[in-house]
Amino acid sequence: VAALNGTQLIFLVTGTGVISVTCAFVTLEVLNAHPDFYEHTSGHYVGNPRSVTVIGGLLGAIIGASFMNIFDTVGDTILYCFASEQRRRSMINHEKYGDGADVEDPGFFGWLMGTEPQPVEEEGMGYAPDGLIALIDRHGR
């Protein structure tokens, strides 16, 4: 879990930096490419494009940090759900309660159409991708 948390921190910092630098670069390119911003006679002339570029980069960092924090929260949520499901499954007495196979009630329309009750096959919840499960297995649970 600590390795995954550290990896998420790397993604958070790198993602925020990439978004910030991209916003600053696009701001500088727009200022240098558009005649309205670099011609002295224009009403929209920018006298100091570096300060505007820095402001664009700072705004990009704020937006990037917000986005990457959501990414981090989603990753933590997936990991929490996976760990909770593993814990829940380990606490169930499978000898006493079985594996959870019940009979599905077809409901009114099933009765109307003559559908027979079908056994419910409980599929394991896939909270985590296979790569994450393999990583957890490799580093121990």
C-alpha atoms as a PDB file:
ATOM      1  CA  VAL A   1       0.000   0.000   0.000  1.00  0.00           C
ATOM      2  CA  ALA A   2       2.859   2.362   0.783  1.00  0.00           C
ATOM      3  CA  ALA A   3       4.399   1.710  -2.640  1.00  0.00           C
ATOM      4  CA  LEU A   4       1.096   2.489  -4.338  1.00  0.00           C
ATOM      5  CA  ASN A   5       0.667   5.638  -2.265  1.00  0.00           C
ATOM      6  CA  GLY A   6       4.180   6.757  -3.192  1.00  0.00           C
ATOM      7  CA  THR A   7       3.464   6.070  -6.844  1.00  0.00           C
ATOM      8  CA  GLN A   8       0.320   8.168  -6.643  1.00  0.00           C
ATOM      9  CA  LEU A   9       2.355  11.029  -5.157  1.00  0.00           C
ATOM     10  CA  ILE A  10       4.728  10.834  -8.121  1.00  0.00           C
ATOM     11  CA  PHE A  11       1.763  10.937 -10.520  1.00  0.00           C
ATOM     12  CA  LEU A  12       0.266  13.883  -8.610  1.00  0.00           C
ATOM     13  CA  VAL A  13       3.433  15.982  -8.723  1.00  0.00           C
ATOM     14  CA  THR A  14       4.317  15.037 -12.303  1.00  0.00           C
ATOM     15  CA  GLY A  15       0.788  15.597 -13.592  1.00  0.00           C
ATOM     16  CA  THR A  16       0.520  18.992 -11.916  1.00  0.00           C
ATOM     17  CA  GLY A  17       3.907  19.993 -13.318  1.00  0.00           C
ATOM     18  CA  VAL A  18       3.089  18.854 -16.855  1.00  0.00           C
ATOM     19  CA  ILE A  19      -0.230  20.706 -16.852  1.00  0.00           C
ATOM     20  CA  SER A  20       1.417  23.849 -15.446  1.00  0.00           C
ATOM     21  CA  VAL A  21       4.264  23.847 -17.979  1.00  0.00           C
ATOM     22  CA  THR A  22       1.848  23.146 -20.836  1.00  0.00           C
ATOM     23  CA  CYS A  23      -0.346  26.092 -19.842  1.00  0.00           C
ATOM     24  CA  ALA A  24       2.678  28.387 -19.557  1.00  0.00           C
ATOM     25  CA  PHE A  25       4.006  27.241 -22.943  1.00  0.00           C
ATOM     26  CA  VAL A  26       0.651  27.744 -24.669  1.00  0.00           C
ATOM     27  CA  THR A  27       0.337  31.197 -23.089  1.00  0.00           C
ATOM     28  CA  LEU A  28       3.796  32.204 -24.327  1.00  0.00           C
ATOM     29  CA  GLU A  29       3.139  30.836 -27.815  1.00  0.00           C
ATOM     30  CA  VAL A  30      -0.160  32.710 -28.100  1.00  0.00           C
ATOM     31  CA  LEU A  31       1.511  35.929 -26.949  1.00  0.00           C
ATOM     32  CA  ASN A  32       4.333  35.509 -29.485  1.00  0.00           C
ATOM     33  CA  ALA A  33       2.178  34.335 -32.390  1.00  0.00           C
ATOM     34  CA  HIS A  34      -0.716  36.798 -32.245  1.00  0.00           C
ATOM     35  CA  PRO A  35       0.063  40.298 -33.594  1.00  0.00           C
ATOM     36  CA  ASP A  36      -2.487  41.856 -31.238  1.00  0.00           C
ATOM     37  CA  PHE A  37      -0.292  40.930 -28.287  1.00  0.00           C
ATOM     38  CA  TYR A  38       3.210  41.806 -29.574  1.00  0.00           C
ATOM     39  CA  GLU A  39       2.680  44.903 -31.760  1.00  0.00           C
ATOM     40  CA  HIS A  40       3.240  48.150 -29.874  1.00  0.00           C
ATOM     41  CA  THR A  41       0.401  49.915 -31.699  1.00  0.00           C
ATOM     42  CA  SER A  42      -2.234  47.337 -30.706  1.00  0.00           C
ATOM     43  CA  GLY A  43      -4.732  48.052 -27.951  1.00  0.00           C
ATOM     44  CA  HIS A  44      -4.082  44.566 -26.542  1.00  0.00           C
ATOM     45  CA  TYR A  45      -0.281  44.902 -26.498  1.00  0.00           C
ATOM     46  CA  VAL A  46       1.423  42.925 -23.725  1.00  0.00           C
ATOM     47  CA  GLY A  47       4.536  44.747 -22.587  1.00  0.00           C
ATOM     48  CA  ASN A  48       5.885  41.968 -20.396  1.00  0.00           C
ATOM     49  CA  PRO A  49       4.978  38.534 -21.818  1.00  0.00           C
ATOM     50  CA  ARG A  50       7.053  36.715 -19.189  1.00  0.00           C
ATOM     51  CA  SER A  51       4.842  37.848 -16.316  1.00  0.00           C
ATOM     52  CA  VAL A  52       1.715  36.827 -18.245  1.00  0.00           C
ATOM     53  CA  THR A  53       3.361  33.459 -18.955  1.00  0.00           C
ATOM     54  CA  VAL A  54       4.131  32.980 -15.253  1.00  0.00           C
ATOM     55  CA  ILE A  55       0.518  33.812 -14.374  1.00  0.00           C
ATOM     56  CA  GLY A  56      -0.658  31.314 -17.016  1.00  0.00           C
ATOM     57  CA  GLY A  57       1.623  28.683 -15.502  1.00  0.00           C
ATOM     58  CA  LEU A  58       0.359  29.394 -11.980  1.00  0.00           C
ATOM     59  CA  LEU A  59      -3.250  29.124 -13.110  1.00  0.00           C
ATOM     60  CA  GLY A  60      -2.343  25.870 -14.863  1.00  0.00           C
ATOM     61  CA  ALA A  61      -0.783  24.599 -11.629  1.00  0.00           C
ATOM     62  CA  ILE A  62      -3.973  25.377  -9.698  1.00  0.00           C
ATOM     63  CA  ILE A  63      -6.111  23.607 -12.292  1.00  0.00           C
ATOM     64  CA  GLY A  64      -3.648  20.709 -12.536  1.00  0.00           C
ATOM     65  CA  ALA A  65      -3.484  20.272  -8.758  1.00  0.00           C
ATOM     66  CA  SER A  66      -7.277  20.152  -8.581  1.00  0.00           C
ATOM     67  CA  PHE A  67      -7.465  17.540 -11.323  1.00  0.00           C
ATOM     68  CA  MET A  68      -4.648  15.442  -9.917  1.00  0.00           C
ATOM     69  CA  ASN A  69      -6.144  15.528  -6.400  1.00  0.00           C
ATOM     70  CA  ILE A  70      -9.317  14.027  -7.854  1.00  0.00           C
ATOM     71  CA  PHE A  71      -7.156  11.395  -9.574  1.00  0.00           C
ATOM     72  CA  ASP A  72      -5.457  10.650  -6.240  1.00  0.00           C
ATOM     73  CA  THR A  73      -8.790  10.384  -4.418  1.00  0.00           C
ATOM     74  CA  VAL A  74     -10.186   7.982  -7.021  1.00  0.00           C
ATOM     75  CA  GLY A  75      -7.076   5.814  -6.738  1.00  0.00           C
ATOM     76  CA  ASP A  76      -7.343   5.748  -2.943  1.00  0.00           C
ATOM     77  CA  THR A  77     -11.038   4.872  -3.200  1.00  0.00           C
ATOM     78  CA  ILE A  78     -10.363   1.948  -5.536  1.00  0.00           C
ATOM     79  CA  LEU A  79      -7.655   0.673  -3.203  1.00  0.00           C
ATOM     80  CA  TYR A  80      -9.931   1.065  -0.159  1.00  0.00           C
ATOM     81  CA  CYS A  81     -12.803  -0.799  -1.852  1.00  0.00           C
ATOM     82  CA  PHE A  82     -10.447  -3.586  -2.893  1.00  0.00           C
ATOM     83  CA  ALA A  83      -9.033  -3.924   0.633  1.00  0.00           C
ATOM     84  CA  SER A  84     -12.518  -3.824   2.197  1.00  0.00           C
ATOM     85  CA  GLU A  85     -13.760  -6.543  -0.145  1.00  0.00           C
ATOM     86  CA  GLN A  86     -10.733  -8.732   0.613  1.00  0.00           C
ATOM     87  CA  ARG A  87     -11.315  -8.277   4.332  1.00  0.00           C
ATOM     88  CA  ARG A  88     -15.048  -9.013   4.019  1.00  0.00           C
ATOM     89  CA  ARG A  89     -14.397 -12.182   2.029  1.00  0.00           C
ATOM     90  CA  SER A  90     -11.840 -13.413   4.554  1.00  0.00           C
ATOM     91  CA  MET A  91     -14.299 -12.965   7.453  1.00  0.00           C
ATOM     92  CA  ILE A  92     -17.155 -14.982   5.897  1.00  0.00           C
ATOM     93  CA  ASN A  93     -17.585 -18.542   7.141  1.00  0.00           C
ATOM     94  CA  HIS A  94     -17.945 -20.241   3.747  1.00  0.00           C
ATOM     95  CA  GLU A  95     -18.625 -23.643   5.320  1.00  0.00           C
ATOM     96  CA  LYS A  96     -21.632 -22.294   7.211  1.00  0.00           C
ATOM     97  CA  TYR A  97     -23.035 -19.842   4.656  1.00  0.00           C
ATOM     98  CA  GLY A  98     -21.837 -21.371   1.410  1.00  0.00           C
ATOM     99  CA  ASP A  99     -20.547 -19.325  -1.483  1.00  0.00           C
ATOM    100  CA  GLY A 100     -23.568 -17.030  -1.715  1.00  0.00           C
ATOM    101  CA  ALA A 101     -25.432 -18.711  -4.593  1.00  0.00           C
ATOM    102  CA  ASP A 102     -29.124 -17.819  -4.233  1.00  0.00           C
ATOM    103  CA  VAL A 103     -32.144 -18.075  -6.468  1.00  0.00           C
ATOM    104  CA  GLU A 104     -33.138 -14.956  -8.370  1.00  0.00           C
ATOM    105  CA  ASP A 105     -36.827 -14.050  -8.198  1.00  0.00           C
ATOM    106  CA  PRO A 106     -38.007 -13.376 -11.762  1.00  0.00           C
ATOM    107  CA  GLY A 107     -40.556 -10.814 -10.546  1.00  0.00           C
ATOM    108  CA  PHE A 108     -43.974 -10.015 -11.953  1.00  0.00           C
ATOM    109  CA  PHE A 109     -42.963  -9.970 -15.609  1.00  0.00           C
ATOM    110  CA  GLY A 110     -41.057 -13.217 -15.183  1.00  0.00           C
ATOM    111  CA  TRP A 111     -44.162 -14.800 -13.682  1.00  0.00           C
ATOM    112  CA  LEU A 112     -46.260 -13.346 -16.496  1.00  0.00           C
ATOM    113  CA  MET A 113     -43.926 -14.740 -19.171  1.00  0.00           C
ATOM    114  CA  GLY A 114     -43.436 -18.064 -17.413  1.00  0.00           C
ATOM    115  CA  THR A 115     -39.760 -17.582 -16.575  1.00  0.00           C
ATOM    116  CA  GLU A 116     -38.365 -20.045 -14.061  1.00  0.00           C
ATOM    117  CA  PRO A 117     -36.263 -18.799 -11.142  1.00  0.00           C
ATOM    118  CA  GLN A 118     -32.572 -18.810 -12.058  1.00  0.00           C
ATOM    119  CA  PRO A 119     -29.676 -19.418  -9.672  1.00  0.00           C
ATOM    120  CA  VAL A 120     -27.724 -16.264  -8.974  1.00  0.00           C
ATOM    121  CA  GLU A 121     -24.028 -16.562  -9.605  1.00  0.00           C
ATOM    122  CA  GLU A 122     -22.206 -14.044  -7.497  1.00  0.00           C
ATOM    123  CA  GLU A 123     -19.284 -12.765  -9.446  1.00  0.00           C
ATOM    124  CA  GLY A 124     -16.394 -11.348  -7.537  1.00  0.00           C
ATOM    125  CA  MET A 125     -16.420  -7.592  -7.531  1.00  0.00           C
ATOM    126  CA  GLY A 126     -13.635  -6.215  -9.673  1.00  0.00           C
ATOM    127  CA  TYR A 127     -12.633  -3.166  -7.656  1.00  0.00           C
ATOM    128  CA  ALA A 128      -9.051  -3.299  -8.796  1.00  0.00           C
ATOM    129  CA  PRO A 129      -7.518  -3.954 -12.194  1.00  0.00           C
ATOM    130  CA  ASP A 130      -5.547  -7.157 -12.681  1.00  0.00           C
ATOM    131  CA  GLY A 131      -2.266  -5.236 -12.714  1.00  0.00           C
ATOM    132  CA  LEU A 132      -2.952  -3.796  -9.261  1.00  0.00           C
ATOM    133  CA  ILE A 133      -3.867  -7.212  -7.885  1.00  0.00           C
ATOM    134  CA  ALA A 134      -0.639  -8.661  -9.307  1.00  0.00           C
ATOM    135  CA  LEU A 135       1.360  -5.797  -7.768  1.00  0.00           C
ATOM    136  CA  ILE A 136      -0.235  -6.363  -4.360  1.00  0.00           C
ATOM    137  CA  ASP A 137       0.408 -10.118  -4.593  1.00  0.00           C
ATOM    138  CA  ARG A 138       4.028  -9.518  -5.564  1.00  0.00           C
ATOM    139  CA  HIS A 139       4.692  -7.210  -2.591  1.00  0.00           C
ATOM    140  CA  GLY A 140       2.641  -9.221  -0.097  1.00  0.00           C
ATOM    141  CA  ARG A 141      -0.749  -8.474   1.379  1.00  0.00           C
END
